[in-house]
Every structure is written in C-alpha cells, then in structure tokens.
Amino acid sequence: MIAVIKTGGKQYKVSPKDKLKVEKLEGEEGAKITFDEVLLVSSEDSKDIKIGEPLIEKAKVEAKILRQARAKKVMVVKHKAKKRYNVKRGHRQYFTEVEIEKIVA
C-alpha cells in the first residue's frame, strides 16, 4: 500500500516500514503519531487508487517517532562586492524522523 501525505508544508510518498525525516513534530521518541492529511492511497500494483479532493475522508497514516534531532549545519554567506560587507552565519534545522507503521484507507 502506498500513500501521499502532507505535513510541514510538504508532501511525502510513503509505504509501511518507510523511514523519513519531516519538519519538527511535537512528541517524545517512541510515541505514536497520526497523519490525517492523506492526499492519495494506492495498492502496490496501482489497481485500486483513491485520489482526494483535496483530502481522502477517513484515511490516515500511523507512524512512530524514532528520534528528534537537528540536521547538519548549513552555512549562509552574504557578500556585497566593493562595499566591505561580508556576513557568514550557520543554521541547523530541527527535524523528526518517523517510521510508517500502517496505512488505513
């Protein structure tokens, strides 16, 4: 079973036992979480496809939080030529790693 879910302003194609990193979600490690915004549900062979308009009613994806962490540092550099303007900053984005357990259509 395959589903497309929406969380954190992004869309993800998921199937059971997938691990993915999403924008930070509230919850402790090991806690269960449910994604209610399901846009598409399909069988493995694509014979049975349900497309939401925009969401599928009563469909949900259940997952388990594996860890809460921060991504690697991204360096941001601003420079203006001939103006002696140089700024260098780093940023580490928070994320939540989840494992998809089951898809309920």
C-alpha atoms as a PDB file:
ATOM      1  CA  MET A   1       0.000   0.000   0.000  1.00  0.00           C
ATOM      2  CA  ILE A   2       1.272   3.459  -0.927  1.00  0.00           C
ATOM      3  CA  ALA A   3       0.053   6.863   0.280  1.00  0.00           C
ATOM      4  CA  VAL A   4       0.879  10.515  -0.228  1.00  0.00           C
ATOM      5  CA  ILE A   5       0.700  12.550   2.976  1.00  0.00           C
ATOM      6  CA  LYS A   6       1.064  16.239   3.663  1.00  0.00           C
ATOM      7  CA  THR A   7       2.943  17.555   6.705  1.00  0.00           C
ATOM      8  CA  GLY A   8       5.039  20.626   7.373  1.00  0.00           C
ATOM      9  CA  GLY A   9       4.006  22.216   4.071  1.00  0.00           C
ATOM     10  CA  LYS A  10       5.498  19.336   2.081  1.00  0.00           C
ATOM     11  CA  GLN A  11       4.167  16.149   0.515  1.00  0.00           C
ATOM     12  CA  TYR A  12       5.723  12.707   1.006  1.00  0.00           C
ATOM     13  CA  LYS A  13       5.130   9.384  -0.763  1.00  0.00           C
ATOM     14  CA  VAL A  14       5.155   6.691   1.939  1.00  0.00           C
ATOM     15  CA  SER A  15       4.586   2.975   2.379  1.00  0.00           C
ATOM     16  CA  PRO A  16       4.731   0.782   5.510  1.00  0.00           C
ATOM     17  CA  LYS A  17       8.186   0.419   7.130  1.00  0.00           C
ATOM     18  CA  ASP A  18       9.491   3.576   5.390  1.00  0.00           C
ATOM     19  CA  LYS A  19      11.658   5.915   7.451  1.00  0.00           C
ATOM     20  CA  LEU A  20      11.576   9.593   6.629  1.00  0.00           C
ATOM     21  CA  LYS A  21      12.632  12.931   8.053  1.00  0.00           C
ATOM     22  CA  VAL A  22       9.887  15.554   8.309  1.00  0.00           C
ATOM     23  CA  GLU A  23       9.687  19.041   9.777  1.00  0.00           C
ATOM     24  CA  LYS A  24       9.719  19.043  13.589  1.00  0.00           C
ATOM     25  CA  LEU A  25       6.618  17.493  15.178  1.00  0.00           C
ATOM     26  CA  GLU A  26       5.654  17.537  18.846  1.00  0.00           C
ATOM     27  CA  GLY A  27       6.107  14.247  20.697  1.00  0.00           C
ATOM     28  CA  GLU A  28       8.589  12.061  22.530  1.00  0.00           C
ATOM     29  CA  GLU A  29      10.722   9.353  20.962  1.00  0.00           C
ATOM     30  CA  GLY A  30       8.746   6.125  20.697  1.00  0.00           C
ATOM     31  CA  ALA A  31       5.377   7.930  20.667  1.00  0.00           C
ATOM     32  CA  LYS A  32       2.724   7.161  18.063  1.00  0.00           C
ATOM     33  CA  ILE A  33       1.624   9.871  15.659  1.00  0.00           C
ATOM     34  CA  THR A  34      -1.166  10.006  13.078  1.00  0.00           C
ATOM     35  CA  PHE A  35      -1.104  11.893   9.787  1.00  0.00           C
ATOM     36  CA  ASP A  36      -4.687  12.816   8.860  1.00  0.00           C
ATOM     37  CA  GLU A  37      -3.925  14.796   5.710  1.00  0.00           C
ATOM     38  CA  VAL A  38      -3.810  11.946   3.167  1.00  0.00           C
ATOM     39  CA  LEU A  39      -3.920  13.056  -0.471  1.00  0.00           C
ATOM     40  CA  LEU A  40      -3.695   9.693  -2.265  1.00  0.00           C
ATOM     41  CA  VAL A  41      -3.920   5.996  -1.398  1.00  0.00           C
ATOM     42  CA  SER A  42      -2.965   3.229  -3.823  1.00  0.00           C
ATOM     43  CA  SER A  43      -2.339  -0.505  -3.774  1.00  0.00           C
ATOM     44  CA  GLU A  44       1.139  -1.811  -4.644  1.00  0.00           C
ATOM     45  CA  ASP A  45       0.121  -2.800  -8.191  1.00  0.00           C
ATOM     46  CA  SER A  46      -1.805   0.503  -8.731  1.00  0.00           C
ATOM     47  CA  LYS A  47      -5.067  -1.333  -9.455  1.00  0.00           C
ATOM     48  CA  ASP A  48      -7.029   0.434  -6.694  1.00  0.00           C
ATOM     49  CA  ILE A  49      -6.303   4.178  -6.491  1.00  0.00           C
ATOM     50  CA  LYS A  50      -8.147   6.730  -4.358  1.00  0.00           C
ATOM     51  CA  ILE A  51      -7.413  10.397  -5.020  1.00  0.00           C
ATOM     52  CA  GLY A  52      -8.618  13.029  -2.578  1.00  0.00           C
ATOM     53  CA  GLU A  53     -10.256  16.311  -3.475  1.00  0.00           C
ATOM     54  CA  PRO A  54      -8.099  17.602  -1.745  1.00  0.00           C
ATOM     55  CA  LEU A  55      -8.082  15.014   1.104  1.00  0.00           C
ATOM     56  CA  ILE A  56      -9.387  11.467   1.444  1.00  0.00           C
ATOM     57  CA  GLU A  57     -12.014  11.204   4.179  1.00  0.00           C
ATOM     58  CA  LYS A  58     -11.366   8.663   6.975  1.00  0.00           C
ATOM     59  CA  ALA A  59      -7.899   7.849   5.646  1.00  0.00           C
ATOM     60  CA  LYS A  60      -4.894   8.116   7.929  1.00  0.00           C
ATOM     61  CA  VAL A  61      -1.299   7.044   8.192  1.00  0.00           C
ATOM     62  CA  GLU A  62       0.036   5.837  11.537  1.00  0.00           C
ATOM     63  CA  ALA A  63       3.701   6.258  12.399  1.00  0.00           C
ATOM     64  CA  LYS A  64       6.156   6.016  15.292  1.00  0.00           C
ATOM     65  CA  ILE A  65       8.633   8.748  16.213  1.00  0.00           C
ATOM     66  CA  LEU A  66      12.169   7.368  16.050  1.00  0.00           C
ATOM     67  CA  ARG A  67      14.109  10.490  17.040  1.00  0.00           C
ATOM     68  CA  GLN A  68      14.063  14.259  17.375  1.00  0.00           C
ATOM     69  CA  ALA A  69      17.267  15.870  16.099  1.00  0.00           C
ATOM     70  CA  ARG A  70      18.881  18.667  14.163  1.00  0.00           C
ATOM     71  CA  ALA A  71      20.251  18.462  10.628  1.00  0.00           C
ATOM     72  CA  LYS A  72      23.822  19.202   9.625  1.00  0.00           C
ATOM     73  CA  LYS A  73      24.871  22.829   9.640  1.00  0.00           C
ATOM     74  CA  VAL A  74      24.194  24.865   6.521  1.00  0.00           C
ATOM     75  CA  MET A  75      26.421  27.900   6.042  1.00  0.00           C
ATOM     76  CA  VAL A  76      24.772  31.090   4.787  1.00  0.00           C
ATOM     77  CA  VAL A  77      27.097  33.692   3.269  1.00  0.00           C
ATOM     78  CA  LYS A  78      26.111  37.216   2.222  1.00  0.00           C
ATOM     79  CA  HIS A  79      28.568  39.357   0.279  1.00  0.00           C
ATOM     80  CA  LYS A  80      28.358  42.704  -1.482  1.00  0.00           C
ATOM     81  CA  ALA A  81      31.225  43.458  -3.842  1.00  0.00           C
ATOM     82  CA  LYS A  82      33.242  46.653  -3.231  1.00  0.00           C
ATOM     83  CA  LYS A  83      31.209  47.561  -0.103  1.00  0.00           C
ATOM     84  CA  ARG A  84      33.195  45.653   2.575  1.00  0.00           C
ATOM     85  CA  TYR A  85      30.048  43.734   3.505  1.00  0.00           C
ATOM     86  CA  ASN A  86      30.530  40.078   4.459  1.00  0.00           C
ATOM     87  CA  VAL A  87      28.233  38.075   6.745  1.00  0.00           C
ATOM     88  CA  LYS A  88      28.656  34.379   7.483  1.00  0.00           C
ATOM     89  CA  ARG A  89      26.066  32.510   9.518  1.00  0.00           C
ATOM     90  CA  GLY A  90      25.225  28.881  10.223  1.00  0.00           C
ATOM     91  CA  HIS A  91      21.806  27.264  10.598  1.00  0.00           C
ATOM     92  CA  ARG A  92      20.726  23.841  11.885  1.00  0.00           C
ATOM     93  CA  GLN A  93      17.127  22.863  11.140  1.00  0.00           C
ATOM     94  CA  TYR A  94      15.147  20.725  13.603  1.00  0.00           C
ATOM     95  CA  PHE A  95      13.555  17.553  12.207  1.00  0.00           C
ATOM     96  CA  THR A  96      11.653  14.477  13.356  1.00  0.00           C
ATOM     97  CA  GLU A  97      12.472  11.031  11.997  1.00  0.00           C
ATOM     98  CA  VAL A  98       9.409   8.778  11.762  1.00  0.00           C
ATOM     99  CA  GLU A  99       8.772   5.188  10.702  1.00  0.00           C
ATOM    100  CA  ILE A 100       5.490   4.473   8.916  1.00  0.00           C
ATOM    101  CA  GLU A 101       3.659   1.599  10.575  1.00  0.00           C
ATOM    102  CA  LYS A 102       0.396   1.257   8.667  1.00  0.00           C
ATOM    103  CA  ILE A 103      -1.902   2.980   6.195  1.00  0.00           C
ATOM    104  CA  VAL A 104      -5.637   2.943   6.901  1.00  0.00           C
ATOM    105  CA  ALA A 105      -7.756   3.752   3.844  1.00  0.00           C
END
